[in-house]
Amino acid sequence: MIERIESGARMSQAVIHGDTIYLAGQVGAPGESVTAQTTAVLAEIDDLLARCGSDRAHILSATIWLADMNDFAEMNKVWDAWVAPGAAPARATGEAKLATPDYRVEIIVVAARK
């Protein structure tokens, strides 16, 4: 069985298949700082995972896209304070053009249900 959360014509914010949760890429408010966007994205991930029966300690992998790799340290400062102790997921970070120039960070996660 496949369950979709906040499903629209183009995408769903989350898809659950079995005990695996796939989140769509999350972005913060356009034009805000990397710190503010990362904080907002991680709060949205917390909310979506809770709605799916999981939490940050159950994240299996994360893909992080930055509009500019010069923002890597700023994003990591927020990320490092947020990651559940002892439960750091597999992670990749790269630079990419995001949907609009006002987005500075996008994070995609795959998690297990609790």
Protein backbone atom coordinates (compact mmCIF):
# COMPACT_ATOMS: atom_id res chain seq x y z
CA MET A 1 0.00 0.00 0.00
CA ILE A 2 1.15 3.52 -0.78
CA GLU A 3 -0.01 6.50 1.29
CA ARG A 4 0.41 10.08 0.05
CA ILE A 5 0.44 13.17 2.28
CA GLU A 6 -0.51 16.60 0.88
CA SER A 7 -0.84 15.17 -2.60
CA GLY A 8 -1.37 17.50 -5.54
CA ALA A 9 -1.39 17.25 -9.31
CA ARG A 10 2.41 17.55 -9.52
CA MET A 11 3.73 16.03 -6.30
CA SER A 12 3.09 14.86 -2.76
CA GLN A 13 4.88 16.30 0.25
CA ALA A 14 5.39 12.78 1.60
CA VAL A 15 4.91 9.25 0.31
CA ILE A 16 4.86 6.23 2.59
CA HIS A 17 5.49 2.76 1.24
CA GLY A 18 5.67 0.03 3.84
CA ASP A 19 7.84 1.39 6.63
CA THR A 20 9.75 3.85 4.43
CA ILE A 21 8.89 7.55 4.21
CA TYR A 22 10.01 9.68 1.28
CA LEU A 23 9.74 13.45 1.67
CA ALA A 24 9.66 15.93 -1.18
CA GLY A 25 12.36 18.57 -1.24
CA GLN A 26 11.63 21.17 1.42
CA VAL A 27 12.50 24.85 1.05
CA GLY A 28 12.20 27.87 3.32
CA ALA A 29 10.87 31.36 2.64
CA PRO A 30 12.34 32.83 -0.54
CA GLY A 31 14.90 35.56 0.04
CA GLU A 32 15.66 34.70 3.67
CA SER A 33 19.15 33.83 4.91
CA VAL A 34 20.55 30.31 4.67
CA THR A 35 20.20 30.04 8.45
CA ALA A 36 16.52 31.06 8.36
CA GLN A 37 15.75 28.83 5.37
CA THR A 38 17.53 25.82 6.89
CA THR A 39 15.72 26.34 10.20
CA ALA A 40 12.35 26.51 8.42
CA VAL A 41 13.12 23.46 6.28
CA LEU A 42 14.10 21.35 9.30
CA ALA A 43 10.95 22.41 11.16
CA GLU A 44 8.86 21.35 8.15
CA ILE A 45 10.71 18.01 8.02
CA ASP A 46 9.97 17.50 11.73
CA ASP A 47 6.27 18.22 11.08
CA LEU A 48 5.98 15.95 8.04
CA LEU A 49 7.81 13.09 9.74
CA ALA A 50 5.53 13.36 12.79
CA ARG A 51 2.48 13.21 10.51
CA CYS A 52 3.96 10.06 8.94
CA GLY A 53 4.69 8.34 12.25
CA SER A 54 8.39 9.09 12.46
CA ASP A 55 10.95 11.63 13.66
CA ARG A 56 14.45 12.93 12.92
CA ALA A 57 16.10 10.01 14.76
CA HIS A 58 14.71 7.71 12.07
CA ILE A 59 16.06 9.56 9.02
CA LEU A 60 17.96 7.13 6.81
CA SER A 61 19.38 9.56 4.27
CA ALA A 62 19.38 13.25 3.45
CA THR A 63 20.22 15.06 0.23
CA ILE A 64 20.95 18.75 0.64
CA TRP A 65 21.10 21.15 -2.28
CA LEU A 66 22.69 24.57 -1.79
CA ALA A 67 22.46 27.36 -4.34
CA ASP A 68 26.03 28.27 -3.36
CA MET A 69 28.53 25.94 -1.65
CA ASN A 70 29.92 29.02 0.12
CA ASP A 71 26.86 28.60 2.39
CA PHE A 72 27.95 25.09 3.47
CA ALA A 73 29.26 26.11 6.92
CA GLU A 74 26.22 28.29 7.67
CA MET A 75 23.80 25.48 6.75
CA ASN A 76 25.86 22.91 8.70
CA LYS A 77 25.69 25.02 11.87
CA VAL A 78 21.88 24.70 11.85
CA TRP A 79 21.92 21.06 10.67
CA ASP A 80 24.45 19.95 13.31
CA ALA A 81 22.35 21.44 16.13
CA TRP A 82 19.22 19.70 14.77
CA VAL A 83 20.40 16.15 14.00
CA ALA A 84 19.40 13.64 16.64
CA PRO A 85 22.46 12.66 18.72
CA GLY A 86 23.81 9.31 17.63
CA ALA A 87 21.42 9.15 14.66
CA ALA A 88 23.17 11.08 11.90
CA PRO A 89 21.80 9.85 8.55
CA ALA A 90 23.74 9.09 5.40
CA ARG A 91 24.03 12.48 3.72
CA ALA A 92 25.09 14.14 0.51
CA THR A 93 25.38 17.87 -0.13
CA GLY A 94 25.79 19.50 -3.52
CA GLU A 95 25.40 22.79 -5.32
CA ALA A 96 22.53 23.28 -7.75
CA LYS A 97 20.31 25.93 -9.26
CA LEU A 98 17.11 25.70 -7.23
CA ALA A 99 13.56 26.51 -8.40
CA THR A 100 14.14 30.25 -7.99
CA PRO A 101 17.25 32.27 -7.12
CA ASP A 102 15.58 33.22 -3.82
CA TYR A 103 15.85 29.65 -2.55
CA ARG A 104 19.24 29.01 -0.98
CA VAL A 105 18.77 25.50 0.46
CA GLU A 106 16.57 22.48 -0.28
CA ILE A 107 16.60 19.28 1.78
CA ILE A 108 15.19 15.89 0.80
CA VAL A 109 15.00 13.04 3.32
CA VAL A 110 14.09 9.36 3.41
CA ALA A 111 13.12 7.98 6.81
CA ALA A 112 11.87 4.83 8.48
CA ARG A 113 8.68 4.70 10.52
CA LYS A 114 9.15 4.36 14.28
